């Protein structure tokens, strides 16, 4: 069954998030729309500042407000718009129905509380289990994510664990209440390659066993290649390409995606030089009036600087926001 044939568990439409600063308004997210289907792993890629994390944190109102401001959009989950929920209703969703794995477990875990306390807290808050049952479940979760001697580890504090162990604890907390969706915000960035591989293997295994839909945010296209079903490519606070993972690597349809892939080392292209994308990422203080990638794009023409391209389907399930037809090397009709 393809992802598009599965039930939609989360649908985001027209999300816009701004940050009001002393220097002006930062247009961090500029009309993002996507669907997440049951049981799929959706990769979200792009360089730093492209809006990946802000998009996903906005859905659960995890951005600081102020200066953050969600100015438009809908995020439909279980027939509710997450962006319109009252704080007490949203708390029931956070950690209960939608889990979040943060980038840095050392700053996300409370240093003065034991691991056991931090895993049992969402269980007691979101389920009917008592303290004794929560402790048993917490040990099961630690065992599930590959932490040895799980019962004893419940008494440990975050500083007593390695980086990889702390990230496993974050995964256990996110899984505690068997959520329908887990959002993982660059969960392997600060880890060495061996531990990265172990964390990715754990997430893949748990997703297959539990059927949880996962949004995996990363700047590492190499990680996404062997992990995701579908990929969103973000640039300048917008989605510029959306495709099944194999299609994205086989025939990228946006010049930015082409540039990202050209900068990635590949085993099947030995001896080929890596290519960097010229220029700098866009300043987001001004609201985009054209394609944000146009100043760095070799294919840009007049329309690109005066009109914002919308996502259009170029192949089944494959959409791109570009006025230039890369396949036929001509402006798109």
Protein backbone atom coordinates (compact mmCIF):
# COMPACT_ATOMS: atom_id res chain seq x y z
CA UNK A 1 0.00 0.00 0.00
CA UNK A 2 1.43 3.38 -1.01
CA UNK A 3 1.51 6.26 1.46
CA UNK A 4 -1.18 8.16 -0.45
CA UNK A 5 -3.60 5.23 -0.02
CA UNK A 6 -3.30 5.28 3.77
CA UNK A 7 -5.46 7.29 6.16
CA UNK A 8 -4.36 10.89 6.67
CA UNK A 9 -3.53 11.46 10.35
CA UNK A 10 -2.27 15.05 10.09
CA UNK A 11 -3.07 17.68 7.47
CA UNK A 12 -1.40 21.09 7.51
CA UNK A 13 -2.68 23.91 5.31
CA UNK A 14 -1.15 27.34 4.73
CA UNK A 15 0.94 27.51 7.90
CA UNK A 16 2.66 30.86 8.42
CA UNK A 17 4.87 31.65 11.41
CA UNK A 18 6.62 34.97 12.04
CA UNK A 19 9.06 36.15 14.69
CA UNK A 20 8.85 39.80 15.71
CA UNK A 21 12.34 41.05 16.58
CA UNK A 22 14.02 44.40 17.17
CA UNK A 23 15.40 44.26 13.63
CA UNK A 24 12.04 43.51 12.04
CA UNK A 25 9.69 40.61 11.36
CA UNK A 26 11.25 37.29 10.38
CA UNK A 27 9.00 35.38 7.97
CA UNK A 28 10.18 31.96 9.14
CA UNK A 29 7.38 29.81 7.65
CA UNK A 30 5.58 31.05 4.54
CA UNK A 31 2.51 29.00 3.70
CA UNK A 32 3.49 25.38 4.34
CA UNK A 33 0.97 22.65 3.45
CA UNK A 34 1.44 18.87 3.66
CA UNK A 35 -0.22 15.62 4.69
CA UNK A 36 1.10 12.86 6.95
CA UNK A 37 -0.34 9.39 6.44
CA UNK A 38 -0.77 6.60 8.96
CA UNK A 39 2.39 4.58 9.51
CA UNK A 40 4.59 6.50 7.07
CA UNK A 41 7.95 8.10 7.74
CA UNK A 42 8.04 11.59 6.27
CA UNK A 43 11.47 13.18 5.88
CA UNK A 44 11.80 16.97 6.07
CA UNK A 45 15.12 18.24 4.71
CA UNK A 46 16.78 21.57 4.01
CA UNK A 47 19.67 23.69 5.19
CA UNK A 48 19.74 25.49 8.54
CA UNK A 49 17.19 28.31 8.64
CA UNK A 50 14.91 26.78 6.00
CA UNK A 51 12.00 26.52 8.45
CA UNK A 52 11.99 22.76 9.14
CA UNK A 53 11.98 22.83 12.92
CA UNK A 54 9.86 25.98 13.26
CA UNK A 55 7.17 24.40 11.06
CA UNK A 56 6.87 21.30 13.22
CA UNK A 57 7.22 23.11 16.55
CA UNK A 58 4.50 25.57 15.47
CA UNK A 59 2.03 22.69 15.15
CA UNK A 60 2.24 22.06 18.90
CA UNK A 61 2.87 25.70 19.79
CA UNK A 62 6.33 24.87 21.11
CA UNK A 63 7.85 28.08 19.77
CA UNK A 64 8.23 30.94 22.27
CA UNK A 65 5.28 33.33 21.88
CA UNK A 66 6.31 36.16 21.84
CA UNK A 67 8.42 36.71 19.80
CA UNK A 68 6.90 33.88 17.76
CA UNK A 69 3.50 34.38 16.15
CA UNK A 70 1.48 31.81 14.18
CA UNK A 71 -0.30 34.20 11.83
CA UNK A 72 -2.19 31.81 9.56
CA UNK A 73 -2.91 28.20 8.76
CA UNK A 74 -4.60 25.02 9.97
CA UNK A 75 -3.20 21.78 11.40
CA UNK A 76 -5.97 19.19 11.42
CA UNK A 77 -5.40 16.20 13.71
CA UNK A 78 -8.21 13.88 14.81
CA UNK A 79 -10.79 16.35 13.48
CA UNK A 80 -9.32 19.15 15.58
CA UNK A 81 -7.28 22.15 14.46
CA UNK A 82 -4.20 22.03 16.71
CA UNK A 83 -3.62 25.75 16.18
CA UNK A 84 -7.05 26.59 17.65
CA UNK A 85 -6.90 24.34 20.74
CA UNK A 86 -6.90 25.87 24.20
CA UNK A 87 -3.66 25.34 26.19
CA UNK A 88 -5.15 22.62 28.42
CA UNK A 89 -6.48 20.74 25.36
CA UNK A 90 -3.15 21.04 23.57
CA UNK A 91 -1.32 19.61 26.60
CA UNK A 92 -3.39 16.44 26.20
CA UNK A 93 -2.13 16.11 22.62
CA UNK A 94 1.53 16.88 23.38
CA UNK A 95 3.24 13.76 24.65
CA UNK A 96 -0.03 11.83 24.51
CA UNK A 97 -1.20 11.63 20.90
CA UNK A 98 1.83 13.36 19.34
CA UNK A 99 5.33 12.70 20.69
CA UNK A 100 8.32 14.99 20.12
CA UNK A 101 12.00 13.98 20.12
CA UNK A 102 14.17 17.05 20.49
CA UNK A 103 17.57 17.62 18.93
CA UNK A 104 19.65 17.85 22.10
CA UNK A 105 18.64 15.43 24.86
CA UNK A 106 21.01 17.01 27.39
CA UNK A 107 19.07 20.29 27.34
CA UNK A 108 15.66 18.61 26.84
CA UNK A 109 15.88 16.25 29.81
CA UNK A 110 15.54 17.74 33.29
CA UNK A 111 18.96 17.35 34.96
CA UNK A 112 17.56 17.14 38.51
CA UNK A 113 14.94 14.44 37.85
CA UNK A 114 15.65 10.73 37.41
CA UNK A 115 15.09 9.06 34.07
CA UNK A 116 12.27 7.04 35.60
CA UNK A 117 10.46 10.16 36.81
CA UNK A 118 10.68 11.76 33.36
CA UNK A 119 9.31 8.69 31.56
CA UNK A 120 6.50 8.01 34.05
CA UNK A 121 5.29 11.62 34.07
CA UNK A 122 3.54 11.51 30.64
CA UNK A 123 2.14 8.06 31.47
CA UNK A 124 0.51 9.33 34.66
CA UNK A 125 -0.62 12.55 32.94
CA UNK A 126 -2.10 11.02 29.78
CA UNK A 127 -3.20 7.49 30.77
CA UNK A 128 -5.08 5.75 33.59
CA UNK A 129 -2.04 3.83 34.80
CA UNK A 130 -0.99 4.21 38.45
CA UNK A 131 2.55 4.96 39.68
CA UNK A 132 3.48 1.30 40.05
CA UNK A 133 2.16 0.45 36.59
CA UNK A 134 3.91 3.51 35.12
CA UNK A 135 7.22 2.33 36.56
CA UNK A 136 6.79 -1.12 35.02
CA UNK A 137 5.89 0.45 31.68
CA UNK A 138 8.88 2.81 31.89
CA UNK A 139 11.24 -0.15 32.30
CA UNK A 140 9.60 -1.86 29.31
CA UNK A 141 10.11 1.27 27.21
CA UNK A 142 13.80 1.52 28.11
CA UNK A 143 14.22 -2.12 27.21
CA UNK A 144 12.38 -1.52 23.93
CA UNK A 145 14.83 1.23 22.91
CA UNK A 146 17.85 -0.93 23.71
CA UNK A 147 18.95 0.28 27.13
CA UNK A 148 20.37 -2.64 29.15
CA UNK A 149 19.47 -3.22 32.81
CA UNK A 150 16.43 -1.03 32.28
CA UNK A 151 14.93 -1.26 35.78
CA UNK A 152 18.16 -0.02 37.37
CA UNK A 153 18.52 2.79 34.80
CA UNK A 154 15.24 4.30 35.96
CA UNK A 155 17.10 5.62 39.00
CA UNK A 156 19.83 7.27 36.92
CA UNK A 157 20.09 11.00 36.17
CA UNK A 158 20.71 12.34 32.63
CA UNK A 159 24.36 13.26 33.30
CA UNK A 160 25.06 9.62 34.20
CA UNK A 161 24.20 8.46 30.67
CA UNK A 162 26.06 8.82 27.38
CA UNK A 163 24.69 10.95 24.53
CA UNK A 164 23.34 7.91 22.72
CA UNK A 165 21.66 6.62 25.89
CA UNK A 166 20.06 10.01 26.54
CA UNK A 167 18.67 10.08 23.02
CA UNK A 168 17.21 6.59 23.57
CA UNK A 169 15.55 7.92 26.71
CA UNK A 170 14.03 10.76 24.66
CA UNK A 171 12.64 8.18 22.23
CA UNK A 172 11.22 6.18 25.15
CA UNK A 173 9.49 9.32 26.50
CA UNK A 174 8.06 10.09 23.06
CA UNK A 175 6.74 6.51 22.78
CA UNK A 176 5.40 6.32 26.34
CA UNK A 177 1.73 6.91 25.53
CA UNK A 178 1.74 5.06 22.17
CA UNK A 179 1.21 8.25 20.11
CA UNK A 180 -0.14 8.22 16.56
CA UNK A 181 2.58 10.63 15.44
CA UNK A 182 6.19 11.20 16.51
CA UNK A 183 8.10 14.30 15.38
CA UNK A 184 11.87 13.79 15.55
CA UNK A 185 13.83 17.05 15.27
CA UNK A 186 17.33 16.11 14.04
CA UNK A 187 17.62 13.44 16.75
CA UNK A 188 21.04 12.14 15.64
CA UNK A 189 22.85 15.41 14.90
CA UNK A 190 25.06 15.47 18.01
CA UNK A 191 25.88 11.74 17.95
CA UNK A 192 28.74 9.88 16.35
CA UNK A 193 28.08 7.82 13.22
CA UNK A 194 27.86 4.45 15.00
CA UNK A 195 25.31 5.70 17.53
CA UNK A 196 23.41 7.48 14.74
CA UNK A 197 23.00 4.17 12.95
CA UNK A 198 21.74 2.50 16.14
CA UNK A 199 19.17 5.26 16.80
CA UNK A 200 17.92 5.10 13.20
CA UNK A 201 17.61 1.30 13.43
CA UNK A 202 15.59 1.64 16.65
CA UNK A 203 13.18 4.16 15.10
CA UNK A 204 12.70 2.02 11.98
CA UNK A 205 12.03 -1.08 14.07
CA UNK A 206 9.60 0.66 16.43
CA UNK A 207 7.75 2.27 13.57
CA UNK A 208 7.29 -1.11 11.83
CA UNK A 209 6.19 -2.79 15.06
CA UNK A 210 3.91 -0.05 16.41
CA UNK A 211 2.67 1.54 13.16
CA UNK A 212 3.44 5.07 14.37
CA UNK A 213 3.71 7.82 11.76
CA UNK A 214 7.04 9.65 12.02
CA UNK A 215 8.18 13.09 10.84
CA UNK A 216 12.00 13.07 10.70
CA UNK A 217 13.59 16.53 10.42
CA UNK A 218 17.19 16.60 9.20
CA UNK A 219 19.71 18.40 7.02
CA UNK A 220 21.34 15.03 6.19
CA UNK A 221 20.06 13.62 2.90
CA UNK A 222 22.15 10.49 3.47
CA UNK A 223 20.10 9.60 6.55
CA UNK A 224 16.79 10.17 4.77
CA UNK A 225 17.72 7.95 1.80
CA UNK A 226 17.45 4.75 3.79
CA UNK A 227 14.77 5.86 6.21
CA UNK A 228 11.89 7.83 4.68
CA UNK A 229 8.93 6.88 2.50
CA UNK A 230 8.38 10.43 1.31
CA UNK A 231 10.41 13.64 1.51
CA UNK A 232 9.62 17.34 1.81
CA UNK A 233 12.43 19.69 0.75
CA UNK A 234 12.26 23.12 2.40
CA UNK A 235 13.92 26.39 1.44
CA UNK A 236 13.21 29.92 2.63
CA UNK A 237 10.29 28.85 4.81
CA UNK A 238 8.47 27.02 2.01
CA UNK A 239 8.23 23.49 0.64
CA UNK A 240 9.94 23.55 -2.76
CA UNK A 241 9.68 19.84 -3.57
CA UNK A 242 7.71 16.83 -2.33
CA UNK A 243 8.28 13.30 -3.61
CA UNK A 244 8.56 9.61 -2.74
CA UNK A 245 12.13 9.10 -1.55
CA UNK A 246 13.26 7.05 -4.56
CA UNK A 247 11.84 9.56 -7.04
CA UNK A 248 13.55 12.43 -5.26
CA UNK A 249 16.99 10.85 -5.59
CA UNK A 250 16.41 9.45 -9.09
CA UNK A 251 14.99 12.60 -10.70
CA UNK A 252 14.94 15.75 -8.55
CA UNK A 253 12.66 18.38 -10.04
CA UNK A 254 13.79 21.54 -8.24
CA UNK A 255 17.19 23.22 -8.77
CA UNK A 256 17.68 23.47 -4.99
CA UNK A 257 17.20 19.71 -4.57
CA UNK A 258 19.63 19.13 -7.44
CA UNK A 259 22.16 21.30 -5.61
CA UNK A 260 21.64 19.45 -2.32
CA UNK A 261 22.15 16.06 -3.95
CA UNK A 262 25.22 17.28 -5.84
CA UNK A 263 26.81 18.22 -2.51
CA UNK A 264 26.25 14.71 -1.09
CA UNK A 265 29.02 12.08 -1.38
CA UNK A 266 27.79 9.01 -3.30
CA UNK A 267 29.29 5.54 -3.52
CA UNK A 268 27.98 5.05 -7.05
CA UNK A 269 29.79 8.15 -8.35
CA UNK A 270 33.39 7.70 -7.24
CA UNK A 271 35.83 10.37 -8.32
CA UNK A 272 33.12 12.94 -9.00
CA UNK A 273 33.70 16.29 -7.32
CA UNK A 274 31.15 17.61 -4.83
CA UNK A 275 29.44 20.81 -5.91
CA UNK A 276 28.39 23.60 -3.54
CA UNK A 277 25.40 25.85 -4.13
CA UNK A 278 26.63 29.40 -4.90
CA UNK A 279 25.34 32.37 -2.95
CA UNK A 280 23.73 32.66 0.48
CA UNK A 281 20.36 31.61 1.98
CA UNK A 282 17.69 34.32 1.73
CA UNK A 283 17.05 36.96 4.36
CA UNK A 284 13.62 36.25 5.81
CA UNK A 285 13.01 39.78 7.09
CA UNK A 286 11.19 40.63 3.86
CA UNK A 287 8.12 38.67 2.79
CA UNK A 288 9.00 36.76 -0.42
CA UNK A 289 7.69 38.38 -3.62
CA UNK A 290 9.22 35.73 -5.90
CA UNK A 291 11.05 32.45 -5.66
CA UNK A 292 13.44 32.60 -2.67
CA UNK A 293 15.95 30.44 -4.52
CA UNK A 294 16.04 32.64 -7.64
CA UNK A 295 19.23 34.60 -6.67
CA UNK A 296 21.15 31.30 -6.44
CA UNK A 297 19.51 29.52 -9.38
CA UNK A 298 21.17 29.05 -12.77
CA UNK A 299 17.73 28.67 -14.42
CA UNK A 300 16.05 31.80 -13.00
CA UNK A 301 14.24 34.13 -15.40
CA UNK A 302 11.96 37.17 -15.04
CA UNK A 303 8.92 35.31 -13.70
CA UNK A 304 10.97 33.81 -10.85
CA UNK A 305 11.63 37.21 -9.27
CA UNK A 306 8.08 38.56 -9.53
CA UNK A 307 5.85 35.57 -8.69
CA UNK A 308 5.97 32.97 -5.92
CA UNK A 309 5.80 29.47 -7.46
CA UNK A 310 3.22 27.05 -6.07
CA UNK A 311 3.70 23.30 -5.78
CA UNK A 312 2.51 21.56 -8.94
CA UNK A 313 2.44 17.82 -9.64
CA UNK A 314 4.97 16.79 -12.29
CA UNK A 315 4.76 13.01 -11.73
CA UNK A 316 2.37 10.93 -9.60
CA UNK A 317 3.00 11.96 -5.99
CA UNK A 318 5.89 14.22 -7.05
CA UNK A 319 5.40 17.99 -6.78
CA UNK A 320 7.74 20.91 -7.26
CA UNK A 321 7.52 24.69 -6.79
CA UNK A 322 9.52 25.83 -9.80
CA UNK A 323 8.73 27.74 -12.98
CA UNK A 324 11.55 25.98 -14.85
CA UNK A 325 10.91 22.50 -16.29
CA UNK A 326 14.16 20.66 -15.55
CA UNK A 327 13.18 17.59 -17.56
CA UNK A 328 12.52 19.49 -20.78
CA UNK A 329 14.88 22.42 -20.10
CA UNK A 330 12.31 25.14 -20.70
CA UNK A 331 9.95 27.40 -18.74
CA UNK A 332 6.99 25.52 -17.32
CA UNK A 333 3.64 26.34 -18.92
